[in-house]
Protein backbone atom coordinates (compact mmCIF):
# COMPACT_ATOMS: atom_id res chain seq x y z
CA MET A 1 -108.10 35.82 -110.90
CA PRO A 2 -106.21 35.51 -107.57
CA LEU A 3 -102.45 35.76 -107.76
CA LYS A 4 -99.82 33.43 -106.37
CA LEU A 5 -97.66 35.44 -103.99
CA LEU A 6 -94.32 34.77 -102.31
CA MET A 7 -93.57 36.85 -99.20
CA LEU A 8 -89.99 37.95 -98.46
CA GLY A 9 -89.66 39.57 -95.03
CA THR A 10 -88.28 39.25 -91.53
CA GLY A 11 -88.96 42.17 -89.21
CA GLU A 12 -91.95 43.24 -87.15
CA PHE A 13 -92.80 45.90 -89.75
CA ALA A 14 -93.62 43.18 -92.31
CA LEU A 15 -95.80 41.07 -90.03
CA GLN A 16 -99.12 42.86 -90.54
CA SER A 17 -98.69 42.87 -94.32
CA PHE A 18 -97.91 39.15 -94.27
CA ARG A 19 -100.99 38.44 -92.18
CA ALA A 20 -103.15 40.49 -94.57
CA LEU A 21 -101.88 38.52 -97.56
CA LEU A 22 -102.65 35.24 -95.82
CA ASP A 23 -106.22 36.42 -95.18
CA SER A 24 -106.71 37.78 -98.72
CA PRO A 25 -108.20 35.94 -101.72
CA HIS A 26 -104.68 35.50 -103.11
CA GLN A 27 -102.60 32.36 -102.59
CA VAL A 28 -99.40 32.79 -100.56
CA THR A 29 -97.11 30.00 -101.71
CA GLY A 30 -94.46 30.42 -99.01
CA LEU A 31 -92.25 32.68 -96.92
CA VAL A 32 -88.63 33.64 -97.54
CA THR A 33 -87.04 35.04 -94.39
CA GLN A 34 -83.61 35.57 -92.86
CA PRO A 35 -81.79 32.60 -91.30
CA ASP A 36 -82.32 32.06 -87.57
CA ARG A 37 -79.85 34.03 -85.46
CA VAL A 38 -78.48 33.27 -82.01
CA GLY A 39 -78.08 36.27 -79.68
CA ARG A 40 -76.37 36.82 -76.37
CA GLY A 41 -76.54 33.94 -73.94
CA HIS A 42 -77.06 31.57 -76.88
CA HIS A 43 -80.75 32.47 -77.01
CA GLN A 44 -82.31 32.11 -80.44
CA HIS A 45 -84.23 35.17 -81.60
CA VAL A 46 -87.90 34.53 -82.35
CA ASN A 47 -88.78 35.32 -85.95
CA PRO A 48 -92.47 36.32 -85.89
CA MET A 49 -92.81 35.89 -89.65
CA LYS A 50 -91.53 32.33 -89.51
CA ALA A 51 -93.75 31.53 -86.52
CA LEU A 52 -96.85 32.75 -88.37
CA ALA A 53 -95.94 30.83 -91.54
CA GLU A 54 -95.51 27.62 -89.57
CA VAL A 55 -98.89 28.09 -87.87
CA ARG A 56 -100.49 28.51 -91.30
CA GLY A 57 -98.68 25.46 -92.70
CA LEU A 58 -96.60 27.38 -95.26
CA PRO A 59 -93.15 26.30 -96.47
CA VAL A 60 -90.35 28.53 -95.14
CA PHE A 61 -87.08 29.16 -96.99
CA GLN A 62 -84.18 30.83 -95.12
CA PRO A 63 -81.23 31.33 -97.49
CA GLU A 64 -78.08 33.15 -96.41
CA LYS A 65 -78.11 34.85 -99.82
CA ALA A 66 -81.37 34.81 -101.77
CA SER A 67 -79.66 35.78 -105.04
CA ARG A 68 -77.26 32.83 -105.21
CA PRO A 69 -77.93 30.38 -108.08
CA GLU A 70 -79.03 27.57 -105.76
CA SER A 71 -81.44 29.94 -104.02
CA LEU A 72 -82.90 31.12 -107.33
CA GLU A 73 -83.79 27.54 -108.21
CA ARG A 74 -85.71 27.15 -104.96
CA LEU A 75 -87.46 30.51 -105.38
CA ALA A 76 -88.59 29.56 -108.87
CA ASP A 77 -90.14 26.38 -107.46
CA PHE A 78 -92.63 28.48 -105.45
CA GLY A 79 -94.33 29.35 -108.75
CA ALA A 80 -95.29 32.87 -107.66
CA ASP A 81 -96.74 35.52 -109.97
CA LEU A 82 -95.45 38.28 -107.69
CA PHE A 83 -92.87 38.62 -104.94
CA VAL A 84 -93.94 40.85 -102.03
CA VAL A 85 -91.00 42.24 -100.03
CA ALA A 86 -91.04 44.04 -96.67
CA ALA A 87 -88.12 44.52 -94.28
CA TYR A 88 -86.30 41.55 -95.77
CA GLY A 89 -82.78 42.90 -95.36
CA GLN A 90 -81.07 41.51 -98.47
CA ILE A 91 -80.21 43.05 -101.82
CA LEU A 92 -82.13 41.30 -104.59
CA SER A 93 -80.42 40.65 -107.92
CA SER A 94 -81.93 41.34 -111.33
CA LYS A 95 -82.10 37.57 -111.95
CA LEU A 96 -84.17 37.13 -108.79
CA LEU A 97 -86.48 40.03 -109.70
CA ALA A 98 -87.08 38.45 -113.12
CA LEU A 99 -88.42 35.17 -111.71
CA PRO A 100 -92.09 36.12 -111.15
CA ARG A 101 -94.06 37.35 -114.19
CA LEU A 102 -95.13 40.53 -112.33
CA GLY A 103 -91.75 41.15 -110.75
CA ALA A 104 -91.38 42.17 -107.11
CA ILE A 105 -92.87 44.98 -105.04
CA ASN A 106 -91.60 46.44 -101.79
CA VAL A 107 -93.48 47.86 -98.80
CA HIS A 108 -91.25 50.74 -97.64
CA ALA A 109 -91.74 52.85 -94.50
CA SER A 110 -91.37 56.35 -95.95
CA LEU A 111 -92.84 58.67 -98.54
CA LEU A 112 -90.36 58.00 -101.32
CA PRO A 113 -88.16 59.38 -102.73
CA ARG A 114 -87.42 60.74 -99.25
CA TYR A 115 -85.56 58.32 -96.97
CA ARG A 116 -84.34 55.55 -99.21
CA GLY A 117 -82.43 52.91 -97.26
CA ALA A 118 -82.54 50.64 -94.24
CA ALA A 119 -83.63 53.10 -91.52
CA PRO A 120 -86.30 55.43 -92.97
CA ILE A 121 -88.36 55.64 -89.79
CA ASN A 122 -85.40 56.62 -87.62
CA TYR A 123 -84.17 59.30 -90.00
CA ALA A 124 -87.60 60.85 -90.48
CA ILE A 125 -87.90 61.43 -86.72
CA TRP A 126 -84.23 62.40 -86.37
CA ARG A 127 -84.60 65.12 -89.01
CA GLY A 128 -87.70 66.52 -87.36
CA GLU A 129 -90.28 65.49 -89.97
CA THR A 130 -93.93 65.83 -88.95
CA THR A 131 -95.25 63.49 -91.66
CA THR A 132 -94.03 60.21 -93.11
CA GLY A 133 -95.85 57.22 -94.54
CA VAL A 134 -95.66 54.00 -96.54
CA THR A 135 -94.79 53.55 -100.20
CA VAL A 136 -95.31 50.40 -102.26
CA PHE A 137 -93.02 50.40 -105.28
CA GLN A 138 -91.78 48.10 -108.03
CA ILE A 139 -88.32 46.86 -107.12
CA VAL A 140 -85.43 47.60 -109.50
CA PRO A 141 -81.72 46.89 -108.89
CA ALA A 142 -81.06 50.48 -107.67
CA LEU A 143 -81.75 51.18 -103.97
CA ASP A 144 -85.46 51.91 -103.37
CA ALA A 145 -85.57 53.69 -106.73
CA GLY A 146 -88.33 51.86 -108.59
CA PRO A 147 -91.62 53.36 -109.81
CA MET A 148 -94.13 54.01 -107.04
CA LEU A 149 -97.42 52.11 -107.14
CA GLY A 150 -99.11 53.70 -104.12
CA GLN A 151 -98.54 55.76 -100.99
CA VAL A 152 -100.28 56.56 -97.72
CA ALA A 153 -99.25 59.44 -95.42
CA VAL A 154 -99.06 59.18 -91.62
CA GLU A 155 -98.54 62.00 -89.12
CA ILE A 156 -95.61 61.63 -86.70
CA GLY A 157 -96.55 62.18 -83.06
CA SER A 158 -94.62 64.89 -81.23
CA ARG A 159 -93.50 62.41 -78.53
CA GLU A 160 -93.36 59.29 -80.70
CA THR A 161 -90.31 57.01 -80.78
CA ALA A 162 -89.12 55.13 -83.86
CA GLY A 163 -90.47 51.88 -82.40
CA GLU A 164 -93.91 53.35 -81.79
CA LEU A 165 -94.06 54.88 -85.26
CA GLU A 166 -92.97 51.61 -86.85
CA ALA A 167 -95.93 49.85 -85.22
CA ARG A 168 -98.37 52.41 -86.64
CA LEU A 169 -96.83 52.28 -90.12
CA SER A 170 -97.07 48.50 -90.00
CA GLU A 171 -100.81 48.82 -89.33
CA ALA A 172 -101.20 51.36 -92.16
CA SER A 173 -99.47 49.14 -94.74
CA PRO A 174 -101.94 46.27 -95.44
CA PRO A 175 -104.79 48.29 -97.04
CA LEU A 176 -102.34 50.02 -99.36
CA LEU A 177 -100.56 46.77 -100.23
CA LEU A 178 -103.80 44.92 -101.02
CA ARG A 179 -105.00 47.79 -103.20
CA VAL A 180 -101.73 47.77 -105.18
CA ILE A 181 -101.87 43.99 -105.65
CA ASP A 182 -105.49 44.24 -106.81
CA GLU A 183 -104.48 46.87 -109.39
CA LEU A 184 -101.59 44.70 -110.61
CA GLU A 185 -103.93 41.72 -110.89
CA ARG A 186 -106.39 43.74 -112.99
CA GLY A 187 -103.66 45.40 -115.05
CA VAL A 188 -104.71 48.94 -114.05
CA SER A 189 -101.77 50.11 -111.93
CA SER A 190 -100.35 53.59 -112.60
CA PRO A 191 -96.62 53.63 -111.74
CA ILE A 192 -95.09 57.02 -110.88
CA THR A 193 -91.40 57.60 -111.55
CA GLN A 194 -89.46 58.88 -108.54
CA SER A 195 -87.75 62.27 -108.70
CA ASP A 196 -84.03 61.82 -108.06
CA GLY A 197 -83.79 65.46 -107.02
CA ASP A 198 -85.86 64.82 -103.88
CA VAL A 199 -83.89 61.80 -102.62
CA ILE A 200 -82.80 61.66 -98.96
CA LEU A 201 -80.80 58.62 -97.91
CA ALA A 202 -81.44 56.73 -94.66
CA PRO A 203 -78.60 54.21 -94.30
CA LYS A 204 -78.38 51.53 -91.64
CA LEU A 205 -77.71 52.97 -88.19
CA ALA A 206 -74.54 52.26 -86.23
CA LYS A 207 -74.43 51.81 -82.47
CA GLU A 208 -72.29 54.89 -81.94
CA GLN A 209 -74.95 57.09 -83.55
CA GLY A 210 -76.92 56.80 -80.32
CA ALA A 211 -74.47 59.16 -78.58
CA ILE A 212 -76.23 62.39 -77.57
CA ASP A 213 -74.63 65.67 -78.64
CA TRP A 214 -75.65 68.21 -75.99
CA SER A 215 -74.38 71.10 -78.15
CA ARG A 216 -77.38 70.61 -80.44
CA SER A 217 -80.63 72.45 -79.82
CA THR A 218 -83.12 70.98 -77.34
CA CYS A 219 -85.51 70.22 -80.21
CA GLU A 220 -82.79 68.41 -82.17
CA ILE A 221 -81.79 66.41 -79.08
CA ASP A 222 -85.42 65.41 -78.51
CA CYS A 223 -85.73 64.22 -82.13
CA HIS A 224 -82.48 62.28 -81.85
CA ILE A 225 -83.49 60.59 -78.60
CA ARG A 226 -86.85 59.49 -80.03
CA ALA A 227 -85.25 58.32 -83.29
CA MET A 228 -82.76 56.07 -81.49
CA GLN A 229 -85.41 54.01 -79.67
CA PRO A 230 -85.56 51.06 -79.48
CA TRP A 231 -82.17 50.79 -81.28
CA PRO A 232 -79.32 51.78 -81.16
CA GLN A 233 -80.54 53.57 -77.98
CA PRO A 234 -79.73 57.18 -77.05
CA PHE A 235 -76.88 57.25 -74.55
CA THR A 236 -74.60 59.65 -72.71
CA PHE A 237 -72.19 59.64 -69.75
CA LEU A 238 -72.65 61.45 -66.45
CA HIS A 239 -69.39 62.90 -65.18
CA SER A 240 -69.25 63.88 -61.51
CA PRO A 241 -66.06 65.16 -59.83
CA GLY A 242 -64.16 62.33 -58.14
CA ARG A 243 -66.43 59.55 -59.50
CA PRO A 244 -66.26 57.16 -62.47
CA ALA A 245 -68.29 58.18 -65.49
CA LEU A 246 -71.78 56.64 -65.44
CA ARG A 247 -73.24 55.45 -68.74
CA LEU A 248 -76.98 55.90 -69.04
CA LEU A 249 -79.77 56.04 -71.59
CA VAL A 250 -81.81 59.21 -71.90
CA LEU A 251 -85.35 58.19 -72.86
CA SER A 252 -87.30 61.45 -72.81
CA VAL A 253 -86.51 65.17 -72.74
CA GLN A 254 -88.50 68.39 -73.00
CA PRO A 255 -87.56 72.08 -73.06
CA ALA A 256 -87.31 73.39 -69.49
CA GLU A 257 -89.12 76.47 -68.24
CA LEU A 258 -86.70 78.45 -66.07
CA SER A 259 -86.91 81.30 -63.61
CA ALA A 260 -84.81 84.41 -64.19
CA ALA A 261 -82.26 83.22 -61.63
CA GLU A 262 -82.03 79.79 -63.29
CA MET A 263 -81.54 81.39 -66.70
CA THR A 264 -78.64 83.39 -65.29
CA ALA A 265 -77.10 80.25 -63.76
CA ALA A 266 -77.56 78.30 -67.00
CA SER A 267 -75.78 81.00 -69.01
CA THR A 268 -72.53 80.12 -67.23
CA LEU A 269 -72.68 76.43 -68.25
CA ALA A 270 -71.26 74.73 -71.33
CA PRO A 271 -73.54 72.31 -73.24
CA GLY A 272 -73.95 69.16 -71.16
CA GLY A 273 -73.55 71.00 -67.88
CA VAL A 274 -76.06 70.08 -65.17
CA LEU A 275 -78.11 72.89 -63.64
CA ALA A 276 -78.43 71.77 -60.02
CA THR A 277 -81.12 74.21 -58.90
CA ARG A 278 -83.96 71.79 -58.26
CA ARG A 279 -83.97 68.78 -55.97
CA GLU A 280 -86.17 66.49 -58.11
CA THR A 281 -85.71 67.84 -61.65
CA LEU A 282 -82.75 66.94 -63.85
CA LEU A 283 -81.83 69.94 -66.01
CA VAL A 284 -79.00 69.98 -68.57
CA LYS A 285 -77.63 72.79 -70.73
CA THR A 286 -78.09 72.36 -74.49
CA GLY A 287 -76.94 74.36 -77.47
CA ASP A 288 -79.88 76.74 -77.31
CA GLY A 289 -81.27 76.47 -73.77
CA VAL A 290 -81.94 73.91 -71.07
CA ALA A 291 -83.54 70.47 -71.40
CA HIS A 292 -85.49 68.68 -68.70
CA ILE A 293 -84.53 65.00 -68.71
CA GLU A 294 -87.83 63.32 -67.83
CA ARG A 295 -86.90 59.63 -68.06
CA LEU A 296 -83.56 57.87 -68.09
CA GLN A 297 -81.99 54.48 -67.48
CA PRO A 298 -78.61 54.03 -65.77
CA ALA A 299 -76.53 51.07 -66.92
CA GLY A 300 -77.83 47.86 -65.34
CA LYS A 301 -81.00 49.52 -64.00
CA LYS A 302 -84.61 49.83 -65.07
CA PRO A 303 -86.01 53.00 -66.67
CA MET A 304 -86.89 55.66 -64.09
CA THR A 305 -88.01 59.25 -63.74
CA ASP A 306 -85.49 61.99 -63.10
CA ALA A 307 -86.89 62.41 -59.58
CA ASP A 308 -86.19 58.75 -58.79
CA PHE A 309 -82.70 59.06 -60.25
CA LEU A 310 -81.87 62.16 -58.22
CA ARG A 311 -82.91 60.49 -54.98
CA GLY A 312 -79.90 58.21 -55.40
CA HIS A 313 -77.42 60.58 -57.03
CA THR A 314 -76.04 63.84 -55.72
CA LEU A 315 -75.23 66.37 -58.42
CA ASP A 316 -72.14 68.26 -57.24
CA LYS A 317 -70.86 71.45 -58.83
CA GLY A 318 -69.16 70.62 -62.11
CA THR A 319 -71.37 67.62 -62.90
CA ARG A 320 -71.93 67.30 -66.64
CA PHE A 321 -73.17 64.99 -69.37
CA GLY A 322 -70.97 64.17 -72.31
CA THR A 323 -68.79 61.57 -74.02
CA GLU A 324 -66.99 58.83 -72.11
CA ALA A 325 -63.60 60.54 -72.36
């Protein structure tokens, strides 16, 4: 018998799962999503989940705190058998989780118990993982610690950013989610307890974590740069003698192949030092070699190649990348 479902979600990651539920045999009774936010310039951010719910004629509930008593009353009115949560962004109380007869399940963008927390996609890339995935689990009050109801693994591309990987994990989620819901409906699910010994935490990122540390290896810098896109964005400062520091985003790097003479020149540089041996190639010393900065974006400009950047910037002796100070 089809279930009555209530969706709780906000971000782009949840959108494909929400659409799949709407097109399934089950009845989606409504959407619970974050309140509308106003950004810079007083522009209201578009909530794609809310927009889809309104097109489908579903009621939308946007509480500041879903676990407050007045919110619980409204949630109970939806009459759902199961709450489906994905990228909702609020901690759910035990009273809230007890409302539906089948509890609540979460669609999480990692292979639990690795990368519990708000930024699992970013941390998986940042730590150099080659595989991640999606886990659907039963929600309990502890952070992402409930029994697992299903998983699907996804390979991480060697040049993939967090935003690109999120889009692919979003596409991989609906078949898994629908299978789990079908098993819950038929009473044949097989929960698997998570191993606490394998837990890796992935807390919410802060803006300052986008700062590039050029003393790390080129591989680690590449992983960091890809993990910080689209937010909080990987940034550094270009310091040239006699000029103000220039803030810029570094969007893509690769290990550089150097001649013997260039290797000798690079050996005299500290991490962050610019190797000014090529007219149209931006080379910077790292902790274990030299990185080729392929794409970057100066403050107030559009993304560009290193060749385009160098046509407008002369790299004098002593030019380096580093912190603002």
